[in-house]
Amino acid sequence: MNDHIRQQVRDIMKERGITQQQLADLTGLQRPNVTRLLSGTSGQVPDNWQRILDALQLDLITSSTTEDQR
C-alpha cells in the first residue's frame, strides 16, 4: 500500500476513534502487525490489508491519471 492509502486509513481511524489495538481485534491481526502495516514497514500482504479495509467498511478504488486530469 502506498503512503496516501496508509494515511487515509490512519485518518479514518482517528475520525472514528479506533486505536491500533481495536483495529487488531476487529481484523484478527496482532497489534504489532497492524502497526507495521500502517507504518509501511510491511504491507505487501493483500489479505491483511483487506481485513483492515473490511473492518473499517472501506472499499479500495483505483483510478488512473492522465495528462488531462493533472
C-alpha atoms as a PDB file:
ATOM      1  CA  MET A   1       0.000   0.000   0.000  1.00  0.00           C
ATOM      2  CA  ASN A   2       1.247   3.458  -0.714  1.00  0.00           C
ATOM      3  CA  ASP A   3       1.705   6.298   1.746  1.00  0.00           C
ATOM      4  CA  HIS A   4      -1.517   8.013   0.662  1.00  0.00           C
ATOM      5  CA  ILE A   5      -3.650   4.956   1.402  1.00  0.00           C
ATOM      6  CA  ARG A   6      -1.940   4.344   4.741  1.00  0.00           C
ATOM      7  CA  GLN A   7      -2.585   7.982   5.685  1.00  0.00           C
ATOM      8  CA  GLN A   8      -6.231   7.721   4.650  1.00  0.00           C
ATOM      9  CA  VAL A   9      -6.670   4.665   6.873  1.00  0.00           C
ATOM     10  CA  ARG A  10      -4.952   6.414   9.806  1.00  0.00           C
ATOM     11  CA  ASP A  11      -7.157   9.495   9.306  1.00  0.00           C
ATOM     12  CA  ILE A  12     -10.333   7.402   9.281  1.00  0.00           C
ATOM     13  CA  MET A  13      -9.203   5.521  12.373  1.00  0.00           C
ATOM     14  CA  LYS A  14      -8.670   8.861  14.122  1.00  0.00           C
ATOM     15  CA  GLU A  15     -12.072  10.184  12.983  1.00  0.00           C
ATOM     16  CA  ARG A  16     -13.757   7.047  14.309  1.00  0.00           C
ATOM     17  CA  GLY A  17     -11.704   6.881  17.499  1.00  0.00           C
ATOM     18  CA  ILE A  18     -10.309   3.455  16.637  1.00  0.00           C
ATOM     19  CA  THR A  19      -6.966   2.506  18.149  1.00  0.00           C
ATOM     20  CA  GLN A  20      -4.458   0.157  16.601  1.00  0.00           C
ATOM     21  CA  GLN A  21      -5.375  -2.414  19.246  1.00  0.00           C
ATOM     22  CA  GLN A  22      -9.072  -2.110  18.423  1.00  0.00           C
ATOM     23  CA  LEU A  23      -8.290  -2.482  14.724  1.00  0.00           C
ATOM     24  CA  ALA A  24      -6.207  -5.544  15.538  1.00  0.00           C
ATOM     25  CA  ASP A  25      -9.151  -7.003  17.451  1.00  0.00           C
ATOM     26  CA  LEU A  26     -11.546  -6.226  14.580  1.00  0.00           C
ATOM     27  CA  THR A  27      -9.288  -7.845  11.981  1.00  0.00           C
ATOM     28  CA  GLY A  28      -7.927 -10.784  13.944  1.00  0.00           C
ATOM     29  CA  LEU A  29      -4.394  -9.483  13.427  1.00  0.00           C
ATOM     30  CA  GLN A  30      -1.874  -8.925  16.166  1.00  0.00           C
ATOM     31  CA  ARG A  31      -1.333  -5.264  17.062  1.00  0.00           C
ATOM     32  CA  PRO A  32       2.364  -5.259  16.010  1.00  0.00           C
ATOM     33  CA  ASN A  33       1.271  -6.424  12.543  1.00  0.00           C
ATOM     34  CA  VAL A  34      -1.257  -3.588  12.330  1.00  0.00           C
ATOM     35  CA  THR A  35       1.473  -1.145  13.369  1.00  0.00           C
ATOM     36  CA  ARG A  36       3.796  -2.446  10.664  1.00  0.00           C
ATOM     37  CA  LEU A  37       1.067  -2.243   8.019  1.00  0.00           C
ATOM     38  CA  LEU A  38       0.162   1.321   8.961  1.00  0.00           C
ATOM     39  CA  SER A  39       3.784   2.468   9.129  1.00  0.00           C
ATOM     40  CA  GLY A  40       4.732   0.965   5.790  1.00  0.00           C
ATOM     41  CA  THR A  41       7.388  -1.381   7.138  1.00  0.00           C
ATOM     42  CA  SER A  42       5.148  -4.190   5.953  1.00  0.00           C
ATOM     43  CA  GLY A  43       2.267  -4.081   3.588  1.00  0.00           C
ATOM     44  CA  GLN A  44       2.697  -6.450   0.732  1.00  0.00           C
ATOM     45  CA  VAL A  45       0.142  -8.775   2.270  1.00  0.00           C
ATOM     46  CA  PRO A  46      -3.175  -8.122   0.480  1.00  0.00           C
ATOM     47  CA  ASP A  47      -5.214 -10.381   2.783  1.00  0.00           C
ATOM     48  CA  ASN A  48      -4.232  -8.360   5.836  1.00  0.00           C
ATOM     49  CA  TRP A  49      -4.987  -5.068   4.103  1.00  0.00           C
ATOM     50  CA  GLN A  50      -8.357  -6.440   3.024  1.00  0.00           C
ATOM     51  CA  ARG A  51      -9.126  -7.285   6.657  1.00  0.00           C
ATOM     52  CA  ILE A  52      -8.325  -3.712   7.664  1.00  0.00           C
ATOM     53  CA  LEU A  53     -10.466  -2.245   4.887  1.00  0.00           C
ATOM     54  CA  ASP A  54     -13.312  -4.626   5.751  1.00  0.00           C
ATOM     55  CA  ALA A  55     -13.129  -3.761   9.455  1.00  0.00           C
ATOM     56  CA  LEU A  56     -13.377  -0.058   8.615  1.00  0.00           C
ATOM     57  CA  GLN A  57     -16.061  -0.716   5.987  1.00  0.00           C
ATOM     58  CA  LEU A  58     -13.918   0.840   3.257  1.00  0.00           C
ATOM     59  CA  ASP A  59     -13.501  -0.021  -0.399  1.00  0.00           C
ATOM     60  CA  LEU A  60     -10.207   0.450  -2.170  1.00  0.00           C
ATOM     61  CA  ILE A  61     -10.863   2.084  -5.514  1.00  0.00           C
ATOM     62  CA  THR A  62      -8.135   2.534  -8.055  1.00  0.00           C
ATOM     63  CA  SER A  63      -8.081   5.015 -10.856  1.00  0.00           C
ATOM     64  CA  SER A  64      -5.624   6.030 -13.494  1.00  0.00           C
ATOM     65  CA  THR A  65      -4.454   9.552 -14.073  1.00  0.00           C
ATOM     66  CA  THR A  66      -3.981  11.121 -17.444  1.00  0.00           C
ATOM     67  CA  GLU A  67      -2.370  14.330 -18.533  1.00  0.00           C
ATOM     68  CA  ASP A  68      -5.828  15.941 -18.675  1.00  0.00           C
ATOM     69  CA  GLN A  69      -6.505  15.174 -15.011  1.00  0.00           C
ATOM     70  CA  ARG A  70      -3.267  16.654 -13.712  1.00  0.00           C
END
